[in-house]
Amino acid sequence: MGKNPRSQKKRIHRHTDFTAPAPVLDIDDLMAMLEKLKEPPFLLILDEINDPHNLGACLRTAAAAGVHAVIVPKDHSVSLTETVRRVACGAAEKVPFVQVTNLARTMKQLQEAGVWLVGAAGEAPDNLHNTDLTGPLAIVMGSEGSGLRRLTREYCDFVVSIPMSGAVESLNVSVAAGICLFEAVRQRKNSAK
Protein backbone atom coordinates (compact mmCIF):
# COMPACT_ATOMS: atom_id res chain seq x y z
CA MET A 1 0.00 0.00 0.00
CA GLY A 2 1.33 3.45 -0.92
CA LYS A 3 1.73 6.40 1.36
CA ASN A 4 -0.97 9.04 1.49
CA PRO A 5 0.56 12.19 -0.09
CA ARG A 6 -1.55 14.37 2.19
CA SER A 7 0.09 12.90 5.28
CA GLN A 8 3.48 14.16 4.14
CA LYS A 9 2.36 17.77 3.93
CA LYS A 10 2.59 19.84 7.04
CA ARG A 11 -0.81 21.02 8.23
CA ILE A 12 -1.12 24.71 8.91
CA HIS A 13 -3.77 25.81 11.36
CA ARG A 14 -4.80 29.41 11.44
CA HIS A 15 -5.36 30.31 15.06
CA THR A 16 -8.37 32.36 15.99
CA ASP A 17 -8.72 33.79 19.47
CA PHE A 18 -12.21 32.60 20.38
CA THR A 19 -12.03 34.26 23.78
CA ALA A 20 -11.88 37.79 22.33
CA PRO A 21 -15.31 39.37 21.92
CA ALA A 22 -16.89 38.93 18.48
CA PRO A 23 -18.89 41.79 16.99
CA VAL A 24 -22.62 41.65 17.70
CA LEU A 25 -24.84 44.10 15.81
CA ASP A 26 -28.30 45.44 16.60
CA ILE A 27 -31.32 46.32 14.44
CA ASP A 28 -30.02 49.83 13.69
CA ASP A 29 -26.72 48.38 12.44
CA LEU A 30 -28.64 45.89 10.30
CA MET A 31 -30.87 48.49 8.67
CA ALA A 32 -27.87 50.76 7.98
CA MET A 33 -26.03 47.82 6.41
CA LEU A 34 -29.01 46.96 4.19
CA GLU A 35 -29.16 50.54 2.87
CA LYS A 36 -25.52 50.29 1.74
CA LEU A 37 -25.87 46.98 -0.11
CA LYS A 38 -25.35 47.08 -3.87
CA GLU A 39 -27.24 43.78 -4.35
CA PRO A 40 -30.50 42.34 -3.01
CA PRO A 41 -30.23 41.46 0.69
CA PHE A 42 -29.76 37.79 1.53
CA LEU A 43 -30.39 37.08 5.23
CA LEU A 44 -30.81 34.15 7.60
CA ILE A 45 -33.17 34.47 10.57
CA LEU A 46 -32.81 31.84 13.31
CA ASP A 47 -35.67 31.75 15.81
CA GLU A 48 -34.71 30.38 19.25
CA ILE A 49 -31.77 28.17 18.29
CA ASN A 50 -30.44 26.87 21.61
CA ASP A 51 -27.70 24.44 20.63
CA PRO A 52 -24.34 26.20 20.15
CA HIS A 53 -23.25 23.53 17.66
CA ASN A 54 -26.30 24.22 15.50
CA LEU A 55 -25.74 27.99 15.61
CA GLY A 56 -22.06 27.56 14.76
CA ALA A 57 -22.90 25.28 11.82
CA CYS A 58 -25.56 27.73 10.61
CA LEU A 59 -23.05 30.61 10.75
CA ARG A 60 -20.50 28.61 8.79
CA THR A 61 -23.05 27.66 6.14
CA ALA A 62 -24.35 31.24 5.97
CA ALA A 63 -20.83 32.53 5.35
CA ALA A 64 -20.30 29.91 2.63
CA ALA A 65 -23.58 30.90 0.96
CA GLY A 66 -22.78 34.63 0.96
CA VAL A 67 -25.45 35.62 3.47
CA HIS A 68 -25.24 39.30 4.41
CA ALA A 69 -26.29 38.80 8.07
CA VAL A 70 -27.62 36.22 10.52
CA ILE A 71 -30.37 37.49 12.81
CA VAL A 72 -31.35 35.95 16.17
CA PRO A 73 -33.49 37.04 19.12
CA LYS A 74 -31.62 38.12 22.29
CA ASP A 75 -33.79 35.92 24.52
CA HIS A 76 -34.25 32.16 24.35
CA SER A 77 -31.40 31.80 21.88
CA VAL A 78 -27.73 30.98 22.17
CA SER A 79 -25.39 33.90 21.48
CA LEU A 80 -21.83 34.00 20.16
CA THR A 81 -20.25 31.75 22.75
CA GLU A 82 -16.77 30.29 22.48
CA THR A 83 -18.31 26.96 21.39
CA VAL A 84 -20.39 28.64 18.67
CA ARG A 85 -17.32 30.40 17.34
CA ARG A 86 -15.21 27.23 17.35
CA VAL A 87 -17.87 25.29 15.44
CA ALA A 88 -18.25 28.19 13.00
CA CYS A 89 -14.49 27.92 12.20
CA GLY A 90 -14.01 31.66 11.69
CA ALA A 91 -17.40 32.36 10.09
CA ALA A 92 -18.63 34.18 13.22
CA GLU A 93 -16.04 36.84 12.47
CA LYS A 94 -17.00 37.03 8.76
CA VAL A 95 -20.81 37.10 8.62
CA PRO A 96 -22.51 39.89 10.60
CA PHE A 97 -24.35 38.53 13.66
CA VAL A 98 -27.40 40.56 14.68
CA GLN A 99 -29.22 40.14 18.00
CA VAL A 100 -32.63 41.79 18.25
CA THR A 101 -34.94 42.37 21.18
CA ASN A 102 -38.16 41.71 19.26
CA LEU A 103 -37.88 39.29 16.34
CA ALA A 104 -41.43 39.88 15.07
CA ARG A 105 -40.85 43.66 14.96
CA THR A 106 -37.56 43.10 13.13
CA MET A 107 -39.28 40.87 10.57
CA LYS A 108 -41.90 43.57 10.02
CA GLN A 109 -39.16 46.18 9.49
CA LEU A 110 -37.47 43.90 6.97
CA GLN A 111 -40.75 43.47 5.08
CA GLU A 112 -41.22 47.24 5.04
CA ALA A 113 -37.70 47.48 3.57
CA GLY A 114 -38.78 45.14 0.74
CA VAL A 115 -37.29 41.88 2.04
CA TRP A 116 -39.37 38.73 1.44
CA LEU A 117 -39.49 36.33 4.40
CA VAL A 118 -39.55 32.61 3.59
CA GLY A 119 -39.98 30.27 6.56
CA ALA A 120 -39.17 26.57 6.57
CA ALA A 121 -41.51 24.01 8.14
CA GLY A 122 -41.79 20.30 7.48
CA GLU A 123 -45.59 20.33 7.19
CA ALA A 124 -45.80 23.30 4.79
CA PRO A 125 -47.63 22.46 1.55
CA ASP A 126 -45.42 24.67 -0.64
CA ASN A 127 -42.19 23.15 -1.95
CA LEU A 128 -38.85 24.94 -1.43
CA HIS A 129 -37.80 24.22 -5.02
CA ASN A 130 -40.98 25.74 -6.47
CA THR A 131 -40.67 29.00 -4.52
CA ASP A 132 -38.96 32.08 -5.93
CA LEU A 133 -35.92 32.74 -3.73
CA THR A 134 -34.40 35.51 -5.83
CA GLY A 135 -34.46 39.19 -4.92
CA PRO A 136 -34.40 40.61 -1.37
CA LEU A 137 -34.76 37.54 0.84
CA ALA A 138 -34.57 36.25 4.39
CA ILE A 139 -34.73 32.52 5.07
CA VAL A 140 -36.41 31.91 8.46
CA MET A 141 -35.61 28.77 10.44
CA GLY A 142 -37.29 27.67 13.68
CA SER A 143 -35.92 26.08 16.82
CA GLU A 144 -34.56 22.57 17.07
CA GLY A 145 -37.58 21.18 18.88
CA SER A 146 -40.72 23.09 18.00
CA GLY A 147 -39.81 24.78 14.73
CA LEU A 148 -41.22 28.19 13.85
CA ARG A 149 -43.10 29.95 16.64
CA ARG A 150 -46.65 31.03 15.78
CA LEU A 151 -45.89 34.76 15.51
CA THR A 152 -42.68 34.18 13.57
CA ARG A 153 -44.59 31.97 11.15
CA GLU A 154 -47.34 34.59 10.73
CA TYR A 155 -44.78 37.21 9.66
CA CYS A 156 -43.39 34.94 6.94
CA ASP A 157 -44.58 35.77 3.42
CA PHE A 158 -44.28 32.10 2.47
CA VAL A 159 -43.73 28.91 4.44
CA VAL A 160 -42.10 26.09 2.51
CA SER A 161 -41.00 22.53 3.11
CA ILE A 162 -37.93 20.69 1.93
CA PRO A 163 -39.02 17.81 -0.32
CA MET A 164 -37.85 14.56 1.26
CA SER A 165 -38.28 11.04 -0.05
CA GLY A 166 -36.51 9.14 2.73
CA ALA A 167 -37.78 7.65 5.96
CA VAL A 168 -37.00 10.61 8.27
CA GLU A 169 -39.61 13.23 9.13
CA SER A 170 -37.33 16.18 9.79
CA LEU A 171 -33.77 17.43 9.50
CA ASN A 172 -31.37 19.08 11.90
CA VAL A 173 -31.84 22.87 11.73
CA SER A 174 -28.31 23.48 10.47
CA VAL A 175 -28.76 20.90 7.68
CA ALA A 176 -32.16 22.35 6.75
CA ALA A 177 -30.70 25.87 6.75
CA GLY A 178 -27.93 24.73 4.41
CA ILE A 179 -30.40 23.17 1.98
CA CYS A 180 -32.58 26.30 1.95
CA LEU A 181 -29.68 28.73 1.64
CA PHE A 182 -28.02 26.89 -1.22
CA GLU A 183 -31.31 26.48 -3.09
CA ALA A 184 -31.54 30.28 -2.90
CA VAL A 185 -27.92 30.57 -4.08
CA ARG A 186 -28.69 28.29 -7.04
CA GLN A 187 -31.77 30.28 -8.02
CA ARG A 188 -30.00 33.62 -7.61
CA LYS A 189 -27.12 32.51 -9.83
CA ASN A 190 -29.51 31.20 -12.49
CA SER A 191 -31.55 34.41 -12.49
CA ALA A 192 -28.38 36.48 -12.96
CA LYS A 193 -27.51 34.67 -16.23
C-alpha atoms as a PDB file:
ATOM      1  CA  MET A   1       0.000   0.000   0.000  1.00  0.00           C
ATOM      2  CA  GLY A   2       1.333   3.450  -0.916  1.00  0.00           C
ATOM      3  CA  LYS A   3       1.727   6.404   1.360  1.00  0.00           C
ATOM      4  CA  ASN A   4      -0.969   9.040   1.492  1.00  0.00           C
ATOM      5  CA  PRO A   5       0.561  12.185  -0.092  1.00  0.00           C
ATOM      6  CA  ARG A   6      -1.552  14.367   2.185  1.00  0.00           C
ATOM      7  CA  SER A   7       0.094  12.898   5.283  1.00  0.00           C
ATOM      8  CA  GLN A   8       3.484  14.157   4.141  1.00  0.00           C
ATOM      9  CA  LYS A   9       2.359  17.765   3.932  1.00  0.00           C
ATOM     10  CA  LYS A  10       2.590  19.840   7.041  1.00  0.00           C
ATOM     11  CA  ARG A  11      -0.810  21.016   8.234  1.00  0.00           C
ATOM     12  CA  ILE A  12      -1.115  24.714   8.907  1.00  0.00           C
ATOM     13  CA  HIS A  13      -3.767  25.805  11.364  1.00  0.00           C
ATOM     14  CA  ARG A  14      -4.795  29.411  11.443  1.00  0.00           C
ATOM     15  CA  HIS A  15      -5.362  30.308  15.063  1.00  0.00           C
ATOM     16  CA  THR A  16      -8.372  32.363  15.990  1.00  0.00           C
ATOM     17  CA  ASP A  17      -8.721  33.791  19.474  1.00  0.00           C
ATOM     18  CA  PHE A  18     -12.205  32.598  20.379  1.00  0.00           C
ATOM     19  CA  THR A  19     -12.028  34.262  23.779  1.00  0.00           C
ATOM     20  CA  ALA A  20     -11.882  37.794  22.331  1.00  0.00           C
ATOM     21  CA  PRO A  21     -15.313  39.366  21.916  1.00  0.00           C
ATOM     22  CA  ALA A  22     -16.891  38.930  18.484  1.00  0.00           C
ATOM     23  CA  PRO A  23     -18.889  41.790  16.993  1.00  0.00           C
ATOM     24  CA  VAL A  24     -22.625  41.653  17.696  1.00  0.00           C
ATOM     25  CA  LEU A  25     -24.835  44.103  15.811  1.00  0.00           C
ATOM     26  CA  ASP A  26     -28.304  45.435  16.595  1.00  0.00           C
ATOM     27  CA  ILE A  27     -31.319  46.323  14.437  1.00  0.00           C
ATOM     28  CA  ASP A  28     -30.018  49.831  13.688  1.00  0.00           C
ATOM     29  CA  ASP A  29     -26.723  48.384  12.443  1.00  0.00           C
ATOM     30  CA  LEU A  30     -28.636  45.885  10.296  1.00  0.00           C
ATOM     31  CA  MET A  31     -30.867  48.492   8.665  1.00  0.00           C
ATOM     32  CA  ALA A  32     -27.873  50.758   7.979  1.00  0.00           C
ATOM     33  CA  MET A  33     -26.030  47.825   6.405  1.00  0.00           C
ATOM     34  CA  LEU A  34     -29.011  46.960   4.188  1.00  0.00           C
ATOM     35  CA  GLU A  35     -29.159  50.537   2.871  1.00  0.00           C
ATOM     36  CA  LYS A  36     -25.522  50.293   1.745  1.00  0.00           C
ATOM     37  CA  LEU A  37     -25.866  46.977  -0.109  1.00  0.00           C
ATOM     38  CA  LYS A  38     -25.351  47.081  -3.874  1.00  0.00           C
ATOM     39  CA  GLU A  39     -27.235  43.785  -4.346  1.00  0.00           C
ATOM     40  CA  PRO A  40     -30.499  42.344  -3.009  1.00  0.00           C
ATOM     41  CA  PRO A  41     -30.228  41.459   0.693  1.00  0.00           C
ATOM     42  CA  PHE A  42     -29.755  37.789   1.535  1.00  0.00           C
ATOM     43  CA  LEU A  43     -30.388  37.079   5.234  1.00  0.00           C
ATOM     44  CA  LEU A  44     -30.810  34.149   7.603  1.00  0.00           C
ATOM     45  CA  ILE A  45     -33.171  34.468  10.574  1.00  0.00           C
ATOM     46  CA  LEU A  46     -32.810  31.838  13.306  1.00  0.00           C
ATOM     47  CA  ASP A  47     -35.667  31.746  15.812  1.00  0.00           C
ATOM     48  CA  GLU A  48     -34.713  30.376  19.250  1.00  0.00           C
ATOM     49  CA  ILE A  49     -31.768  28.167  18.287  1.00  0.00           C
ATOM     50  CA  ASN A  50     -30.440  26.865  21.609  1.00  0.00           C
ATOM     51  CA  ASP A  51     -27.697  24.442  20.628  1.00  0.00           C
ATOM     52  CA  PRO A  52     -24.340  26.201  20.154  1.00  0.00           C
ATOM     53  CA  HIS A  53     -23.250  23.533  17.664  1.00  0.00           C
ATOM     54  CA  ASN A  54     -26.298  24.224  15.500  1.00  0.00           C
ATOM     55  CA  LEU A  55     -25.738  27.993  15.607  1.00  0.00           C
ATOM     56  CA  GLY A  56     -22.059  27.558  14.765  1.00  0.00           C
ATOM     57  CA  ALA A  57     -22.901  25.276  11.825  1.00  0.00           C
ATOM     58  CA  CYS A  58     -25.560  27.733  10.606  1.00  0.00           C
ATOM     59  CA  LEU A  59     -23.049  30.606  10.749  1.00  0.00           C
ATOM     60  CA  ARG A  60     -20.495  28.608   8.790  1.00  0.00           C
ATOM     61  CA  THR A  61     -23.051  27.661   6.141  1.00  0.00           C
ATOM     62  CA  ALA A  62     -24.350  31.245   5.971  1.00  0.00           C
ATOM     63  CA  ALA A  63     -20.828  32.527   5.352  1.00  0.00           C
ATOM     64  CA  ALA A  64     -20.296  29.915   2.633  1.00  0.00           C
ATOM     65  CA  ALA A  65     -23.579  30.902   0.957  1.00  0.00           C
ATOM     66  CA  GLY A  66     -22.775  34.627   0.962  1.00  0.00           C
ATOM     67  CA  VAL A  67     -25.451  35.620   3.475  1.00  0.00           C
ATOM     68  CA  HIS A  68     -25.243  39.303   4.413  1.00  0.00           C
ATOM     69  CA  ALA A  69     -26.293  38.797   8.070  1.00  0.00           C
ATOM     70  CA  VAL A  70     -27.617  36.215  10.522  1.00  0.00           C
ATOM     71  CA  ILE A  71     -30.373  37.495  12.810  1.00  0.00           C
ATOM     72  CA  VAL A  72     -31.348  35.947  16.168  1.00  0.00           C
ATOM     73  CA  PRO A  73     -33.487  37.041  19.120  1.00  0.00           C
ATOM     74  CA  LYS A  74     -31.620  38.117  22.286  1.00  0.00           C
ATOM     75  CA  ASP A  75     -33.785  35.925  24.523  1.00  0.00           C
ATOM     76  CA  HIS A  76     -34.249  32.157  24.354  1.00  0.00           C
ATOM     77  CA  SER A  77     -31.403  31.802  21.884  1.00  0.00           C
ATOM     78  CA  VAL A  78     -27.729  30.983  22.172  1.00  0.00           C
ATOM     79  CA  SER A  79     -25.394  33.900  21.477  1.00  0.00           C
ATOM     80  CA  LEU A  80     -21.832  34.001  20.162  1.00  0.00           C
ATOM     81  CA  THR A  81     -20.246  31.748  22.751  1.00  0.00           C
ATOM     82  CA  GLU A  82     -16.773  30.289  22.476  1.00  0.00           C
ATOM     83  CA  THR A  83     -18.311  26.959  21.388  1.00  0.00           C
ATOM     84  CA  VAL A  84     -20.392  28.639  18.669  1.00  0.00           C
ATOM     85  CA  ARG A  85     -17.320  30.398  17.344  1.00  0.00           C
ATOM     86  CA  ARG A  86     -15.210  27.229  17.353  1.00  0.00           C
ATOM     87  CA  VAL A  87     -17.872  25.290  15.444  1.00  0.00           C
ATOM     88  CA  ALA A  88     -18.247  28.194  12.995  1.00  0.00           C
ATOM     89  CA  CYS A  89     -14.495  27.916  12.201  1.00  0.00           C
ATOM     90  CA  GLY A  90     -14.012  31.659  11.688  1.00  0.00           C
ATOM     91  CA  ALA A  91     -17.401  32.365  10.088  1.00  0.00           C
ATOM     92  CA  ALA A  92     -18.632  34.183  13.218  1.00  0.00           C
ATOM     93  CA  GLU A  93     -16.041  36.836  12.466  1.00  0.00           C
ATOM     94  CA  LYS A  94     -17.000  37.034   8.762  1.00  0.00           C
ATOM     95  CA  VAL A  95     -20.814  37.102   8.624  1.00  0.00           C
ATOM     96  CA  PRO A  96     -22.511  39.892  10.605  1.00  0.00           C
ATOM     97  CA  PHE A  97     -24.346  38.532  13.662  1.00  0.00           C
ATOM     98  CA  VAL A  98     -27.400  40.559  14.678  1.00  0.00           C
ATOM     99  CA  GLN A  99     -29.216  40.138  18.004  1.00  0.00           C
ATOM    100  CA  VAL A 100     -32.628  41.793  18.250  1.00  0.00           C
ATOM    101  CA  THR A 101     -34.943  42.366  21.179  1.00  0.00           C
ATOM    102  CA  ASN A 102     -38.161  41.705  19.257  1.00  0.00           C
ATOM    103  CA  LEU A 103     -37.875  39.286  16.337  1.00  0.00           C
ATOM    104  CA  ALA A 104     -41.431  39.877  15.068  1.00  0.00           C
ATOM    105  CA  ARG A 105     -40.853  43.655  14.961  1.00  0.00           C
ATOM    106  CA  THR A 106     -37.559  43.101  13.126  1.00  0.00           C
ATOM    107  CA  MET A 107     -39.282  40.872  10.574  1.00  0.00           C
ATOM    108  CA  LYS A 108     -41.899  43.571  10.016  1.00  0.00           C
ATOM    109  CA  GLN A 109     -39.157  46.183   9.488  1.00  0.00           C
ATOM    110  CA  LEU A 110     -37.470  43.898   6.972  1.00  0.00           C
ATOM    111  CA  GLN A 111     -40.751  43.467   5.081  1.00  0.00           C
ATOM    112  CA  GLU A 112     -41.217  47.238   5.036  1.00  0.00           C
ATOM    113  CA  ALA A 113     -37.704  47.479   3.566  1.00  0.00           C
ATOM    114  CA  GLY A 114     -38.777  45.143   0.743  1.00  0.00           C
ATOM    115  CA  VAL A 115     -37.292  41.881   2.043  1.00  0.00           C
ATOM    116  CA  TRP A 116     -39.374  38.733   1.440  1.00  0.00           C
ATOM    117  CA  LEU A 117     -39.489  36.330   4.397  1.00  0.00           C
ATOM    118  CA  VAL A 118     -39.554  32.606   3.592  1.00  0.00           C
ATOM    119  CA  GLY A 119     -39.976  30.265   6.560  1.00  0.00           C
ATOM    120  CA  ALA A 120     -39.167  26.571   6.568  1.00  0.00           C
ATOM    121  CA  ALA A 121     -41.508  24.014   8.143  1.00  0.00           C
ATOM    122  CA  GLY A 122     -41.790  20.298   7.482  1.00  0.00           C
ATOM    123  CA  GLU A 123     -45.586  20.331   7.190  1.00  0.00           C
ATOM    124  CA  ALA A 124     -45.799  23.303   4.792  1.00  0.00           C
ATOM    125  CA  PRO A 125     -47.629  22.457   1.555  1.00  0.00           C
ATOM    126  CA  ASP A 126     -45.417  24.668  -0.645  1.00  0.00           C
ATOM    127  CA  ASN A 127     -42.185  23.149  -1.948  1.00  0.00           C
ATOM    128  CA  LEU A 128     -38.849  24.942  -1.428  1.00  0.00           C
ATOM    129  CA  HIS A 129     -37.796  24.217  -5.023  1.00  0.00           C
ATOM    130  CA  ASN A 130     -40.983  25.736  -6.473  1.00  0.00           C
ATOM    131  CA  THR A 131     -40.666  28.996  -4.522  1.00  0.00           C
ATOM    132  CA  ASP A 132     -38.955  32.084  -5.935  1.00  0.00           C
ATOM    133  CA  LEU A 133     -35.921  32.737  -3.725  1.00  0.00           C
ATOM    134  CA  THR A 134     -34.401  35.512  -5.835  1.00  0.00           C
ATOM    135  CA  GLY A 135     -34.465  39.190  -4.924  1.00  0.00           C
ATOM    136  CA  PRO A 136     -34.395  40.613  -1.372  1.00  0.00           C
ATOM    137  CA  LEU A 137     -34.758  37.537   0.835  1.00  0.00           C
ATOM    138  CA  ALA A 138     -34.568  36.254   4.388  1.00  0.00           C
ATOM    139  CA  ILE A 139     -34.733  32.520   5.069  1.00  0.00           C
ATOM    140  CA  VAL A 140     -36.410  31.913   8.456  1.00  0.00           C
ATOM    141  CA  MET A 141     -35.611  28.765  10.443  1.00  0.00           C
ATOM    142  CA  GLY A 142     -37.294  27.672  13.678  1.00  0.00           C
ATOM    143  CA  SER A 143     -35.920  26.084  16.823  1.00  0.00           C
ATOM    144  CA  GLU A 144     -34.557  22.569  17.068  1.00  0.00           C
ATOM    145  CA  GLY A 145     -37.580  21.178  18.878  1.00  0.00           C
ATOM    146  CA  SER A 146     -40.721  23.093  17.999  1.00  0.00           C
ATOM    147  CA  GLY A 147     -39.810  24.782  14.727  1.00  0.00           C
ATOM    148  CA  LEU A 148     -41.215  28.191  13.847  1.00  0.00           C
ATOM    149  CA  ARG A 149     -43.104  29.950  16.637  1.00  0.00           C
ATOM    150  CA  ARG A 150     -46.650  31.025  15.780  1.00  0.00           C
ATOM    151  CA  LEU A 151     -45.885  34.760  15.513  1.00  0.00           C
ATOM    152  CA  THR A 152     -42.678  34.175  13.568  1.00  0.00           C
ATOM    153  CA  ARG A 153     -44.585  31.973  11.146  1.00  0.00           C
ATOM    154  CA  GLU A 154     -47.343  34.593  10.733  1.00  0.00           C
ATOM    155  CA  TYR A 155     -44.780  37.206   9.662  1.00  0.00           C
ATOM    156  CA  CYS A 156     -43.389  34.943   6.937  1.00  0.00           C
ATOM    157  CA  ASP A 157     -44.580  35.774   3.417  1.00  0.00           C
ATOM    158  CA  PHE A 158     -44.278  32.097   2.469  1.00  0.00           C
ATOM    159  CA  VAL A 159     -43.730  28.909   4.445  1.00  0.00           C
ATOM    160  CA  VAL A 160     -42.099  26.089   2.514  1.00  0.00           C
ATOM    161  CA  SER A 161     -41.003  22.534   3.110  1.00  0.00           C
ATOM    162  CA  ILE A 162     -37.935  20.688   1.933  1.00  0.00           C
ATOM    163  CA  PRO A 163     -39.021  17.809  -0.316  1.00  0.00           C
ATOM    164  CA  MET A 164     -37.854  14.556   1.264  1.00  0.00           C
ATOM    165  CA  SER A 165     -38.278  11.044  -0.048  1.00  0.00           C
ATOM    166  CA  GLY A 166     -36.505   9.144   2.729  1.00  0.00           C
ATOM    167  CA  ALA A 167     -37.776   7.651   5.963  1.00  0.00           C
ATOM    168  CA  VAL A 168     -37.002  10.610   8.271  1.00  0.00           C
ATOM    169  CA  GLU A 169     -39.611  13.229   9.127  1.00  0.00           C
ATOM    170  CA  SER A 170     -37.328  16.183   9.795  1.00  0.00           C
ATOM    171  CA  LEU A 171     -33.767  17.426   9.496  1.00  0.00           C
ATOM    172  CA  ASN A 172     -31.374  19.080  11.903  1.00  0.00           C
ATOM    173  CA  VAL A 173     -31.843  22.875  11.734  1.00  0.00           C
ATOM    174  CA  SER A 174     -28.312  23.475  10.472  1.00  0.00           C
ATOM    175  CA  VAL A 175     -28.755  20.896   7.683  1.00  0.00           C
ATOM    176  CA  ALA A 176     -32.157  22.349   6.748  1.00  0.00           C
ATOM    177  CA  ALA A 177     -30.696  25.871   6.750  1.00  0.00           C
ATOM    178  CA  GLY A 178     -27.932  24.726   4.408  1.00  0.00           C
ATOM    179  CA  ILE A 179     -30.397  23.174   1.977  1.00  0.00           C
ATOM    180  CA  CYS A 180     -32.582  26.303   1.946  1.00  0.00           C
ATOM    181  CA  LEU A 181     -29.679  28.732   1.635  1.00  0.00           C
ATOM    182  CA  PHE A 182     -28.020  26.886  -1.221  1.00  0.00           C
ATOM    183  CA  GLU A 183     -31.307  26.485  -3.094  1.00  0.00           C
ATOM    184  CA  ALA A 184     -31.539  30.282  -2.895  1.00  0.00           C
ATOM    185  CA  VAL A 185     -27.918  30.569  -4.077  1.00  0.00           C
ATOM    186  CA  ARG A 186     -28.692  28.288  -7.040  1.00  0.00           C
ATOM    187  CA  GLN A 187     -31.770  30.285  -8.016  1.00  0.00           C
ATOM    188  CA  ARG A 188     -30.004  33.617  -7.607  1.00  0.00           C
ATOM    189  CA  LYS A 189     -27.120  32.513  -9.831  1.00  0.00           C
ATOM    190  CA  ASN A 190     -29.512  31.197 -12.488  1.00  0.00           C
ATOM    191  CA  SER A 191     -31.546  34.412 -12.492  1.00  0.00           C
ATOM    192  CA  ALA A 192     -28.377  36.482 -12.958  1.00  0.00           C
ATOM    193  CA  LYS A 193     -27.515  34.670 -16.229  1.00  0.00           C
END
